[in-house]
Amino acid sequence: YCMAYRPISKTNESIICLPHRLVVQ
């Protein structure tokens, strides 16, 4: 699912990979 996120560039947008417990903010 994390690969389906659109590219992020604005403050406080995030991509989350729940199985890997990874957050990109």
mmCIF file of all heavy atoms, coordinates in Angstrom:
data_MODEL
# 
_entry.id   MODEL 
# 
loop_
_atom_site.group_PDB 
_atom_site.id 
_atom_site.type_symbol 
_atom_site.label_atom_id 
_atom_site.label_alt_id 
_atom_site.label_comp_id 
_atom_site.label_asym_id 
_atom_site.label_entity_id 
_atom_site.label_seq_id 
_atom_site.pdbx_PDB_ins_code 
_atom_site.Cartn_x 
_atom_site.Cartn_y 
_atom_site.Cartn_z 
_atom_site.occupancy 
_atom_site.B_iso_or_equiv 
_atom_site.pdbx_formal_charge 
_atom_site.auth_seq_id 
_atom_site.auth_comp_id 
_atom_site.auth_asym_id 
_atom_site.auth_atom_id 
_atom_site.pdbx_PDB_model_num 
ATOM 1   N N   . TYR A 1 1  ? 0.824  -1.209 0.000  1.00 0.00 ? 1  TYR A N   1 
ATOM 2   C CA  . TYR A 1 1  ? 0.000  0.000  0.000  1.00 0.00 ? 1  TYR A CA  1 
ATOM 3   C C   . TYR A 1 1  ? 0.860  1.262  0.000  1.00 0.00 ? 1  TYR A C   1 
ATOM 4   O O   . TYR A 1 1  ? 0.479  2.274  -0.566 1.00 0.00 ? 1  TYR A O   1 
ATOM 5   C CB  . TYR A 1 1  ? -0.932 0.035  1.213  1.00 0.00 ? 1  TYR A CB  1 
ATOM 6   C CG  . TYR A 1 1  ? -2.088 -0.927 1.135  1.00 0.00 ? 1  TYR A CG  1 
ATOM 7   C CD1 . TYR A 1 1  ? -2.485 -1.635 2.249  1.00 0.00 ? 1  TYR A CD1 1 
ATOM 8   C CD2 . TYR A 1 1  ? -2.784 -1.128 -0.044 1.00 0.00 ? 1  TYR A CD2 1 
ATOM 9   C CE1 . TYR A 1 1  ? -3.540 -2.526 2.192  1.00 0.00 ? 1  TYR A CE1 1 
ATOM 10  C CE2 . TYR A 1 1  ? -3.841 -2.019 -0.117 1.00 0.00 ? 1  TYR A CE2 1 
ATOM 11  C CZ  . TYR A 1 1  ? -4.217 -2.709 1.014  1.00 0.00 ? 1  TYR A CZ  1 
ATOM 12  O OH  . TYR A 1 1  ? -5.263 -3.579 0.949  1.00 0.00 ? 1  TYR A OH  1 
ATOM 13  N N   . CYS A 1 2  ? 2.005  1.199  0.650  1.00 0.00 ? 2  CYS A N   1 
ATOM 14  C CA  . CYS A 1 2  ? 2.870  2.377  0.734  1.00 0.00 ? 2  CYS A CA  1 
ATOM 15  C C   . CYS A 1 2  ? 3.350  2.823  -0.647 1.00 0.00 ? 2  CYS A C   1 
ATOM 16  O O   . CYS A 1 2  ? 3.626  3.998  -0.855 1.00 0.00 ? 2  CYS A O   1 
ATOM 17  C CB  . CYS A 1 2  ? 4.052  2.113  1.652  1.00 0.00 ? 2  CYS A CB  1 
ATOM 18  S SG  . CYS A 1 2  ? 5.035  0.673  1.188  1.00 0.00 ? 2  CYS A SG  1 
ATOM 19  N N   . MET A 1 3  ? 3.410  1.916  -1.590 1.00 0.00 ? 3  MET A N   1 
ATOM 20  C CA  . MET A 1 3  ? 3.846  2.260  -2.941 1.00 0.00 ? 3  MET A CA  1 
ATOM 21  C C   . MET A 1 3  ? 2.734  2.949  -3.738 1.00 0.00 ? 3  MET A C   1 
ATOM 22  O O   . MET A 1 3  ? 2.997  3.578  -4.755 1.00 0.00 ? 3  MET A O   1 
ATOM 23  C CB  . MET A 1 3  ? 4.326  1.011  -3.675 1.00 0.00 ? 3  MET A CB  1 
ATOM 24  C CG  . MET A 1 3  ? 5.593  0.428  -3.085 1.00 0.00 ? 3  MET A CG  1 
ATOM 25  S SD  . MET A 1 3  ? 6.063  -1.160 -3.786 1.00 0.00 ? 3  MET A SD  1 
ATOM 26  C CE  . MET A 1 3  ? 6.179  -0.755 -5.518 1.00 0.00 ? 3  MET A CE  1 
ATOM 27  N N   . ALA A 1 4  ? 1.504  2.859  -3.261 1.00 0.00 ? 4  ALA A N   1 
ATOM 28  C CA  . ALA A 1 4  ? 0.372  3.475  -3.953 1.00 0.00 ? 4  ALA A CA  1 
ATOM 29  C C   . ALA A 1 4  ? 0.188  4.947  -3.577 1.00 0.00 ? 4  ALA A C   1 
ATOM 30  O O   . ALA A 1 4  ? -0.572 5.657  -4.233 1.00 0.00 ? 4  ALA A O   1 
ATOM 31  C CB  . ALA A 1 4  ? -0.909 2.713  -3.632 1.00 0.00 ? 4  ALA A CB  1 
ATOM 32  N N   . TYR A 1 5  ? 0.879  5.417  -2.527 1.00 0.00 ? 5  TYR A N   1 
ATOM 33  C CA  . TYR A 1 5  ? 0.785  6.821  -2.131 1.00 0.00 ? 5  TYR A CA  1 
ATOM 34  C C   . TYR A 1 5  ? 1.305  7.701  -3.260 1.00 0.00 ? 5  TYR A C   1 
ATOM 35  O O   . TYR A 1 5  ? 2.276  7.355  -3.935 1.00 0.00 ? 5  TYR A O   1 
ATOM 36  C CB  . TYR A 1 5  ? 1.641  7.109  -0.897 1.00 0.00 ? 5  TYR A CB  1 
ATOM 37  C CG  . TYR A 1 5  ? 1.051  6.703  0.420  1.00 0.00 ? 5  TYR A CG  1 
ATOM 38  C CD1 . TYR A 1 5  ? 1.131  5.397  0.866  1.00 0.00 ? 5  TYR A CD1 1 
ATOM 39  C CD2 . TYR A 1 5  ? 0.439  7.637  1.236  1.00 0.00 ? 5  TYR A CD2 1 
ATOM 40  C CE1 . TYR A 1 5  ? 0.618  5.019  2.091  1.00 0.00 ? 5  TYR A CE1 1 
ATOM 41  C CE2 . TYR A 1 5  ? -0.078 7.273  2.467  1.00 0.00 ? 5  TYR A CE2 1 
ATOM 42  C CZ  . TYR A 1 5  ? 0.011  5.964  2.883  1.00 0.00 ? 5  TYR A CZ  1 
ATOM 43  O OH  . TYR A 1 5  ? -0.498 5.608  4.098  1.00 0.00 ? 5  TYR A OH  1 
ATOM 44  N N   . ARG A 1 6  ? 0.701  8.870  -3.420 1.00 0.00 ? 6  ARG A N   1 
ATOM 45  C CA  . ARG A 1 6  ? 1.226  9.827  -4.386 1.00 0.00 ? 6  ARG A CA  1 
ATOM 46  C C   . ARG A 1 6  ? 2.486  10.464 -3.798 1.00 0.00 ? 6  ARG A C   1 
ATOM 47  O O   . ARG A 1 6  ? 2.679  10.429 -2.579 1.00 0.00 ? 6  ARG A O   1 
ATOM 48  C CB  . ARG A 1 6  ? 0.183  10.887 -4.715 1.00 0.00 ? 6  ARG A CB  1 
ATOM 49  C CG  . ARG A 1 6  ? -0.220 11.735 -3.526 1.00 0.00 ? 6  ARG A CG  1 
ATOM 50  C CD  . ARG A 1 6  ? -1.241 12.784 -3.951 1.00 0.00 ? 6  ARG A CD  1 
ATOM 51  N NE  . ARG A 1 6  ? -1.661 13.580 -2.837 1.00 0.00 ? 6  ARG A NE  1 
ATOM 52  C CZ  . ARG A 1 6  ? -0.953 14.548 -2.270 1.00 0.00 ? 6  ARG A CZ  1 
ATOM 53  N NH1 . ARG A 1 6  ? 0.238  14.834 -2.724 1.00 0.00 ? 6  ARG A NH1 1 
ATOM 54  N NH2 . ARG A 1 6  ? -1.419 15.234 -1.252 1.00 0.00 ? 6  ARG A NH2 1 
ATOM 55  N N   . PRO A 1 7  ? 3.344  11.047 -4.608 1.00 0.00 ? 7  PRO A N   1 
ATOM 56  C CA  . PRO A 1 7  ? 4.541  11.701 -4.078 1.00 0.00 ? 7  PRO A CA  1 
ATOM 57  C C   . PRO A 1 7  ? 4.175  12.811 -3.090 1.00 0.00 ? 7  PRO A C   1 
ATOM 58  O O   . PRO A 1 7  ? 3.178  13.509 -3.275 1.00 0.00 ? 7  PRO A O   1 
ATOM 59  C CB  . PRO A 1 7  ? 5.209  12.281 -5.330 1.00 0.00 ? 7  PRO A CB  1 
ATOM 60  C CG  . PRO A 1 7  ? 4.746  11.396 -6.435 1.00 0.00 ? 7  PRO A CG  1 
ATOM 61  C CD  . PRO A 1 7  ? 3.335  11.022 -6.076 1.00 0.00 ? 7  PRO A CD  1 
ATOM 62  N N   . ILE A 1 8  ? 4.981  12.946 -2.047 1.00 0.00 ? 8  ILE A N   1 
ATOM 63  C CA  . ILE A 1 8  ? 4.708  13.931 -1.001 1.00 0.00 ? 8  ILE A CA  1 
ATOM 64  C C   . ILE A 1 8  ? 5.751  15.045 -1.056 1.00 0.00 ? 8  ILE A C   1 
ATOM 65  O O   . ILE A 1 8  ? 6.922  14.802 -1.339 1.00 0.00 ? 8  ILE A O   1 
ATOM 66  C CB  . ILE A 1 8  ? 4.681  13.285 0.400  1.00 0.00 ? 8  ILE A CB  1 
ATOM 67  C CG1 . ILE A 1 8  ? 6.001  12.571 0.700  1.00 0.00 ? 8  ILE A CG1 1 
ATOM 68  C CG2 . ILE A 1 8  ? 3.503  12.332 0.522  1.00 0.00 ? 8  ILE A CG2 1 
ATOM 69  C CD1 . ILE A 1 8  ? 6.104  12.043 2.121  1.00 0.00 ? 8  ILE A CD1 1 
ATOM 70  N N   . SER A 1 9  ? 5.308  16.280 -0.783 1.00 0.00 ? 9  SER A N   1 
ATOM 71  C CA  . SER A 1 9  ? 6.224  17.412 -0.781 1.00 0.00 ? 9  SER A CA  1 
ATOM 72  C C   . SER A 1 9  ? 5.788  18.531 0.148  1.00 0.00 ? 9  SER A C   1 
ATOM 73  O O   . SER A 1 9  ? 6.549  19.442 0.409  1.00 0.00 ? 9  SER A O   1 
ATOM 74  C CB  . SER A 1 9  ? 6.379  17.976 -2.199 1.00 0.00 ? 9  SER A CB  1 
ATOM 75  O OG  . SER A 1 9  ? 5.137  18.462 -2.662 1.00 0.00 ? 9  SER A OG  1 
ATOM 76  N N   . LYS A 1 10 ? 4.581  18.495 0.652  1.00 0.00 ? 10 LYS A N   1 
ATOM 77  C CA  . LYS A 1 10 ? 4.058  19.551 1.510  1.00 0.00 ? 10 LYS A CA  1 
ATOM 78  C C   . LYS A 1 10 ? 4.244  19.183 2.983  1.00 0.00 ? 10 LYS A C   1 
ATOM 79  O O   . LYS A 1 10 ? 4.201  18.015 3.352  1.00 0.00 ? 10 LYS A O   1 
ATOM 80  C CB  . LYS A 1 10 ? 2.572  19.775 1.226  1.00 0.00 ? 10 LYS A CB  1 
ATOM 81  C CG  . LYS A 1 10 ? 2.269  20.026 -0.230 1.00 0.00 ? 10 LYS A CG  1 
ATOM 82  C CD  . LYS A 1 10 ? 1.855  21.425 -0.457 1.00 0.00 ? 10 LYS A CD  1 
ATOM 83  C CE  . LYS A 1 10 ? 1.403  21.613 -1.886 1.00 0.00 ? 10 LYS A CE  1 
ATOM 84  N NZ  . LYS A 1 10 ? 2.317  22.330 -2.687 1.00 0.00 ? 10 LYS A NZ  1 
ATOM 85  N N   . THR A 1 11 ? 4.447  20.188 3.811  1.00 0.00 ? 11 THR A N   1 
ATOM 86  C CA  . THR A 1 11 ? 4.690  19.983 5.231  1.00 0.00 ? 11 THR A CA  1 
ATOM 87  C C   . THR A 1 11 ? 3.605  19.112 5.856  1.00 0.00 ? 11 THR A C   1 
ATOM 88  O O   . THR A 1 11 ? 2.420  19.322 5.620  1.00 0.00 ? 11 THR A O   1 
ATOM 89  C CB  . THR A 1 11 ? 4.753  21.341 5.966  1.00 0.00 ? 11 THR A CB  1 
ATOM 90  O OG1 . THR A 1 11 ? 5.789  22.120 5.361  1.00 0.00 ? 11 THR A OG1 1 
ATOM 91  C CG2 . THR A 1 11 ? 5.049  21.164 7.434  1.00 0.00 ? 11 THR A CG2 1 
ATOM 92  N N   . ASN A 1 12 ? 4.033  18.129 6.628  1.00 0.00 ? 12 ASN A N   1 
ATOM 93  C CA  . ASN A 1 12 ? 3.195  17.182 7.376  1.00 0.00 ? 12 ASN A CA  1 
ATOM 94  C C   . ASN A 1 12 ? 2.520  16.118 6.518  1.00 0.00 ? 12 ASN A C   1 
ATOM 95  O O   . ASN A 1 12 ? 1.743  15.325 7.042  1.00 0.00 ? 12 ASN A O   1 
ATOM 96  C CB  . ASN A 1 12 ? 2.171  17.888 8.252  1.00 0.00 ? 12 ASN A CB  1 
ATOM 97  C CG  . ASN A 1 12 ? 2.837  18.640 9.382  1.00 0.00 ? 12 ASN A CG  1 
ATOM 98  O OD1 . ASN A 1 12 ? 3.880  18.222 9.882  1.00 0.00 ? 12 ASN A OD1 1 
ATOM 99  N ND2 . ASN A 1 12 ? 2.264  19.761 9.771  1.00 0.00 ? 12 ASN A ND2 1 
ATOM 100 N N   . GLU A 1 13 ? 2.788  16.059 5.227  1.00 0.00 ? 13 GLU A N   1 
ATOM 101 C CA  . GLU A 1 13 ? 2.324  14.916 4.443  1.00 0.00 ? 13 GLU A CA  1 
ATOM 102 C C   . GLU A 1 13 ? 3.192  13.718 4.821  1.00 0.00 ? 13 GLU A C   1 
ATOM 103 O O   . GLU A 1 13 ? 4.343  13.879 5.230  1.00 0.00 ? 13 GLU A O   1 
ATOM 104 C CB  . GLU A 1 13 ? 2.465  15.183 2.945  1.00 0.00 ? 13 GLU A CB  1 
ATOM 105 C CG  . GLU A 1 13 ? 1.455  16.143 2.389  1.00 0.00 ? 13 GLU A CG  1 
ATOM 106 C CD  . GLU A 1 13 ? 1.582  16.301 0.885  1.00 0.00 ? 13 GLU A CD  1 
ATOM 107 O OE1 . GLU A 1 13 ? 2.706  16.273 0.361  1.00 0.00 ? 13 GLU A OE1 1 
ATOM 108 O OE2 . GLU A 1 13 ? 0.535  16.456 0.237  1.00 0.00 ? 13 GLU A OE2 1 
ATOM 109 N N   . SER A 1 14 ? 2.646  12.516 4.674  1.00 0.00 ? 14 SER A N   1 
ATOM 110 C CA  . SER A 1 14 ? 3.422  11.344 5.065  1.00 0.00 ? 14 SER A CA  1 
ATOM 111 C C   . SER A 1 14 ? 3.095  10.134 4.205  1.00 0.00 ? 14 SER A C   1 
ATOM 112 O O   . SER A 1 14 ? 2.042  10.056 3.581  1.00 0.00 ? 14 SER A O   1 
ATOM 113 C CB  . SER A 1 14 ? 3.175  11.009 6.539  1.00 0.00 ? 14 SER A CB  1 
ATOM 114 O OG  . SER A 1 14 ? 1.816  10.742 6.762  1.00 0.00 ? 14 SER A OG  1 
ATOM 115 N N   . ILE A 1 15 ? 4.040  9.211  4.195  1.00 0.00 ? 15 ILE A N   1 
ATOM 116 C CA  . ILE A 1 15 ? 3.863  7.887  3.615  1.00 0.00 ? 15 ILE A CA  1 
ATOM 117 C C   . ILE A 1 15 ? 4.123  6.908  4.744  1.00 0.00 ? 15 ILE A C   1 
ATOM 118 O O   . ILE A 1 15 ? 5.128  7.024  5.454  1.00 0.00 ? 15 ILE A O   1 
ATOM 119 C CB  . ILE A 1 15 ? 4.858  7.631  2.465  1.00 0.00 ? 15 ILE A CB  1 
ATOM 120 C CG1 . ILE A 1 15 ? 4.622  8.609  1.318  1.00 0.00 ? 15 ILE A CG1 1 
ATOM 121 C CG2 . ILE A 1 15 ? 4.741  6.185  1.974  1.00 0.00 ? 15 ILE A CG2 1 
ATOM 122 C CD1 . ILE A 1 15 ? 5.659  8.522  0.224  1.00 0.00 ? 15 ILE A CD1 1 
ATOM 123 N N   . ILE A 1 16 ? 3.231  5.944  4.909  1.00 0.00 ? 16 ILE A N   1 
ATOM 124 C CA  . ILE A 1 16 ? 3.343  5.010  6.029  1.00 0.00 ? 16 ILE A CA  1 
ATOM 125 C C   . ILE A 1 16 ? 3.324  3.586  5.494  1.00 0.00 ? 16 ILE A C   1 
ATOM 126 O O   . ILE A 1 16 ? 2.450  3.222  4.710  1.00 0.00 ? 16 ILE A O   1 
ATOM 127 C CB  . ILE A 1 16 ? 2.186  5.212  7.021  1.00 0.00 ? 16 ILE A CB  1 
ATOM 128 C CG1 . ILE A 1 16 ? 2.214  6.639  7.555  1.00 0.00 ? 16 ILE A CG1 1 
ATOM 129 C CG2 . ILE A 1 16 ? 2.253  4.190  8.147  1.00 0.00 ? 16 ILE A CG2 1 
ATOM 130 C CD1 . ILE A 1 16 ? 0.984  7.047  8.303  1.00 0.00 ? 16 ILE A CD1 1 
ATOM 131 N N   . CYS A 1 17 ? 4.292  2.799  5.909  1.00 0.00 ? 17 CYS A N   1 
ATOM 132 C CA  . CYS A 1 17 ? 4.327  1.371  5.599  1.00 0.00 ? 17 CYS A CA  1 
ATOM 133 C C   . CYS A 1 17 ? 4.072  0.650  6.921  1.00 0.00 ? 17 CYS A C   1 
ATOM 134 O O   . CYS A 1 17 ? 4.979  0.504  7.749  1.00 0.00 ? 17 CYS A O   1 
ATOM 135 C CB  . CYS A 1 17 ? 5.669  0.966  4.995  1.00 0.00 ? 17 CYS A CB  1 
ATOM 136 S SG  . CYS A 1 17 ? 5.723  -0.775 4.544  1.00 0.00 ? 17 CYS A SG  1 
ATOM 137 N N   . LEU A 1 18 ? 2.837  0.251  7.143  1.00 0.00 ? 18 LEU A N   1 
ATOM 138 C CA  . LEU A 1 18 ? 2.453  -0.353 8.422  1.00 0.00 ? 18 LEU A CA  1 
ATOM 139 C C   . LEU A 1 18 ? 3.180  -1.656 8.731  1.00 0.00 ? 18 LEU A C   1 
ATOM 140 O O   . LEU A 1 18 ? 3.671  -1.827 9.845  1.00 0.00 ? 18 LEU A O   1 
ATOM 141 C CB  . LEU A 1 18 ? 0.944  -0.558 8.454  1.00 0.00 ? 18 LEU A CB  1 
ATOM 142 C CG  . LEU A 1 18 ? 0.243  -0.103 9.721  1.00 0.00 ? 18 LEU A CG  1 
ATOM 143 C CD1 . LEU A 1 18 ? 0.476  1.366  9.970  1.00 0.00 ? 18 LEU A CD1 1 
ATOM 144 C CD2 . LEU A 1 18 ? -1.206 -0.401 9.657  1.00 0.00 ? 18 LEU A CD2 1 
ATOM 145 N N   . PRO A 1 19 ? 3.303  -2.598 7.774  1.00 0.00 ? 19 PRO A N   1 
ATOM 146 C CA  . PRO A 1 19 ? 3.991  -3.847 8.110  1.00 0.00 ? 19 PRO A CA  1 
ATOM 147 C C   . PRO A 1 19 ? 5.451  -3.632 8.534  1.00 0.00 ? 19 PRO A C   1 
ATOM 148 O O   . PRO A 1 19 ? 5.972  -4.363 9.367  1.00 0.00 ? 19 PRO A O   1 
ATOM 149 C CB  . PRO A 1 19 ? 3.920  -4.663 6.815  1.00 0.00 ? 19 PRO A CB  1 
ATOM 150 C CG  . PRO A 1 19 ? 2.766  -4.109 6.070  1.00 0.00 ? 19 PRO A CG  1 
ATOM 151 C CD  . PRO A 1 19 ? 2.721  -2.657 6.431  1.00 0.00 ? 19 PRO A CD  1 
ATOM 152 N N   . HIS A 1 20 ? 6.102  -2.619 7.960  1.00 0.00 ? 20 HIS A N   1 
ATOM 153 C CA  . HIS A 1 20 ? 7.507  -2.351 8.288  1.00 0.00 ? 20 HIS A CA  1 
ATOM 154 C C   . HIS A 1 20 ? 7.666  -1.295 9.369  1.00 0.00 ? 20 HIS A C   1 
ATOM 155 O O   . HIS A 1 20 ? 8.794  -0.962 9.742  1.00 0.00 ? 20 HIS A O   1 
ATOM 156 C CB  . HIS A 1 20 ? 8.265  -1.912 7.039  1.00 0.00 ? 20 HIS A CB  1 
ATOM 157 C CG  . HIS A 1 20 ? 8.363  -2.982 6.015  1.00 0.00 ? 20 HIS A CG  1 
ATOM 158 N ND1 . HIS A 1 20 ? 8.785  -2.743 4.743  1.00 0.00 ? 20 HIS A ND1 1 
ATOM 159 C CD2 . HIS A 1 20 ? 8.082  -4.317 6.059  1.00 0.00 ? 20 HIS A CD2 1 
ATOM 160 C CE1 . HIS A 1 20 ? 8.772  -3.867 4.046  1.00 0.00 ? 20 HIS A CE1 1 
ATOM 161 N NE2 . HIS A 1 20 ? 8.333  -4.830 4.829  1.00 0.00 ? 20 HIS A NE2 1 
ATOM 162 N N   . ARG A 1 21 ? 6.542  -0.747 9.846  1.00 0.00 ? 21 ARG A N   1 
ATOM 163 C CA  . ARG A 1 21 ? 6.533  0.293  10.878 1.00 0.00 ? 21 ARG A CA  1 
ATOM 164 C C   . ARG A 1 21 ? 7.379  1.492  10.463 1.00 0.00 ? 21 ARG A C   1 
ATOM 165 O O   . ARG A 1 21 ? 8.091  2.091  11.263 1.00 0.00 ? 21 ARG A O   1 
ATOM 166 C CB  . ARG A 1 21 ? 6.991  -0.271 12.221 1.00 0.00 ? 21 ARG A CB  1 
ATOM 167 C CG  . ARG A 1 21 ? 6.104  -1.414 12.690 1.00 0.00 ? 21 ARG A CG  1 
ATOM 168 C CD  . ARG A 1 21 ? 6.563  -1.980 13.987 1.00 0.00 ? 21 ARG A CD  1 
ATOM 169 N NE  . ARG A 1 21 ? 5.790  -3.175 14.292 1.00 0.00 ? 21 ARG A NE  1 
ATOM 170 C CZ  . ARG A 1 21 ? 6.004  -3.918 15.338 1.00 0.00 ? 21 ARG A CZ  1 
ATOM 171 N NH1 . ARG A 1 21 ? 6.964  -3.620 16.181 1.00 0.00 ? 21 ARG A NH1 1 
ATOM 172 N NH2 . ARG A 1 21 ? 5.271  -4.973 15.539 1.00 0.00 ? 21 ARG A NH2 1 
ATOM 173 N N   . LEU A 1 22 ? 7.288  1.838  9.194  1.00 0.00 ? 22 LEU A N   1 
ATOM 174 C CA  . LEU A 1 22 ? 8.086  2.906  8.600  1.00 0.00 ? 22 LEU A CA  1 
ATOM 175 C C   . LEU A 1 22 ? 7.200  4.113  8.331  1.00 0.00 ? 22 LEU A C   1 
ATOM 176 O O   . LEU A 1 22 ? 6.103  3.972  7.795  1.00 0.00 ? 22 LEU A O   1 
ATOM 177 C CB  . LEU A 1 22 ? 8.697  2.420  7.280  1.00 0.00 ? 22 LEU A CB  1 
ATOM 178 C CG  . LEU A 1 22 ? 9.467  3.443  6.477  1.00 0.00 ? 22 LEU A CG  1 
ATOM 179 C CD1 . LEU A 1 22 ? 10.880 3.559  7.012  1.00 0.00 ? 22 LEU A CD1 1 
ATOM 180 C CD2 . LEU A 1 22 ? 9.493  3.054  5.017  1.00 0.00 ? 22 LEU A CD2 1 
ATOM 181 N N   . VAL A 1 23 ? 7.683  5.298  8.716  1.00 0.00 ? 23 VAL A N   1 
ATOM 182 C CA  . VAL A 1 23 ? 6.973  6.543  8.451  1.00 0.00 ? 23 VAL A CA  1 
ATOM 183 C C   . VAL A 1 23 ? 7.933  7.509  7.774  1.00 0.00 ? 23 VAL A C   1 
ATOM 184 O O   . VAL A 1 23 ? 9.039  7.729  8.251  1.00 0.00 ? 23 VAL A O   1 
ATOM 185 C CB  . VAL A 1 23 ? 6.421  7.178  9.753  1.00 0.00 ? 23 VAL A CB  1 
ATOM 186 C CG1 . VAL A 1 23 ? 5.760  8.519  9.464  1.00 0.00 ? 23 VAL A CG1 1 
ATOM 187 C CG2 . VAL A 1 23 ? 5.444  6.240  10.443 1.00 0.00 ? 23 VAL A CG2 1 
ATOM 188 N N   . VAL A 1 24 ? 7.493  8.069  6.653  1.00 0.00 ? 24 VAL A N   1 
ATOM 189 C CA  . VAL A 1 24 ? 8.239  9.105  5.947  1.00 0.00 ? 24 VAL A CA  1 
ATOM 190 C C   . VAL A 1 24 ? 7.371  10.350 6.021  1.00 0.00 ? 24 VAL A C   1 
ATOM 191 O O   . VAL A 1 24 ? 6.244  10.346 5.532  1.00 0.00 ? 24 VAL A O   1 
ATOM 192 C CB  . VAL A 1 24 ? 8.481  8.726  4.472  1.00 0.00 ? 24 VAL A CB  1 
ATOM 193 C CG1 . VAL A 1 24 ? 9.253  9.820  3.760  1.00 0.00 ? 24 VAL A CG1 1 
ATOM 194 C CG2 . VAL A 1 24 ? 9.177  7.388  4.367  1.00 0.00 ? 24 VAL A CG2 1 
ATOM 195 N N   . GLN A 1 25 ? 7.876  11.410 6.654  1.00 0.00 ? 25 GLN A N   1 
ATOM 196 C CA  . GLN A 1 25 ? 7.067  12.616 6.845  1.00 0.00 ? 25 GLN A CA  1 
ATOM 197 C C   . GLN A 1 25 ? 7.832  13.845 6.382  1.00 0.00 ? 25 GLN A C   1 
ATOM 198 O O   . GLN A 1 25 ? 9.028  13.976 6.644  1.00 0.00 ? 25 GLN A O   1 
ATOM 199 C CB  . GLN A 1 25 ? 6.670  12.767 8.308  1.00 0.00 ? 25 GLN A CB  1 
ATOM 200 C CG  . GLN A 1 25 ? 5.659  13.864 8.534  1.00 0.00 ? 25 GLN A CG  1 
ATOM 201 C CD  . GLN A 1 25 ? 5.087  13.842 9.928  1.00 0.00 ? 25 GLN A CD  1 
ATOM 202 O OE1 . GLN A 1 25 ? 5.674  13.296 10.838 1.00 0.00 ? 25 GLN A OE1 1 
ATOM 203 N NE2 . GLN A 1 25 ? 3.939  14.449 10.097 1.00 0.00 ? 25 GLN A NE2 1 
# 
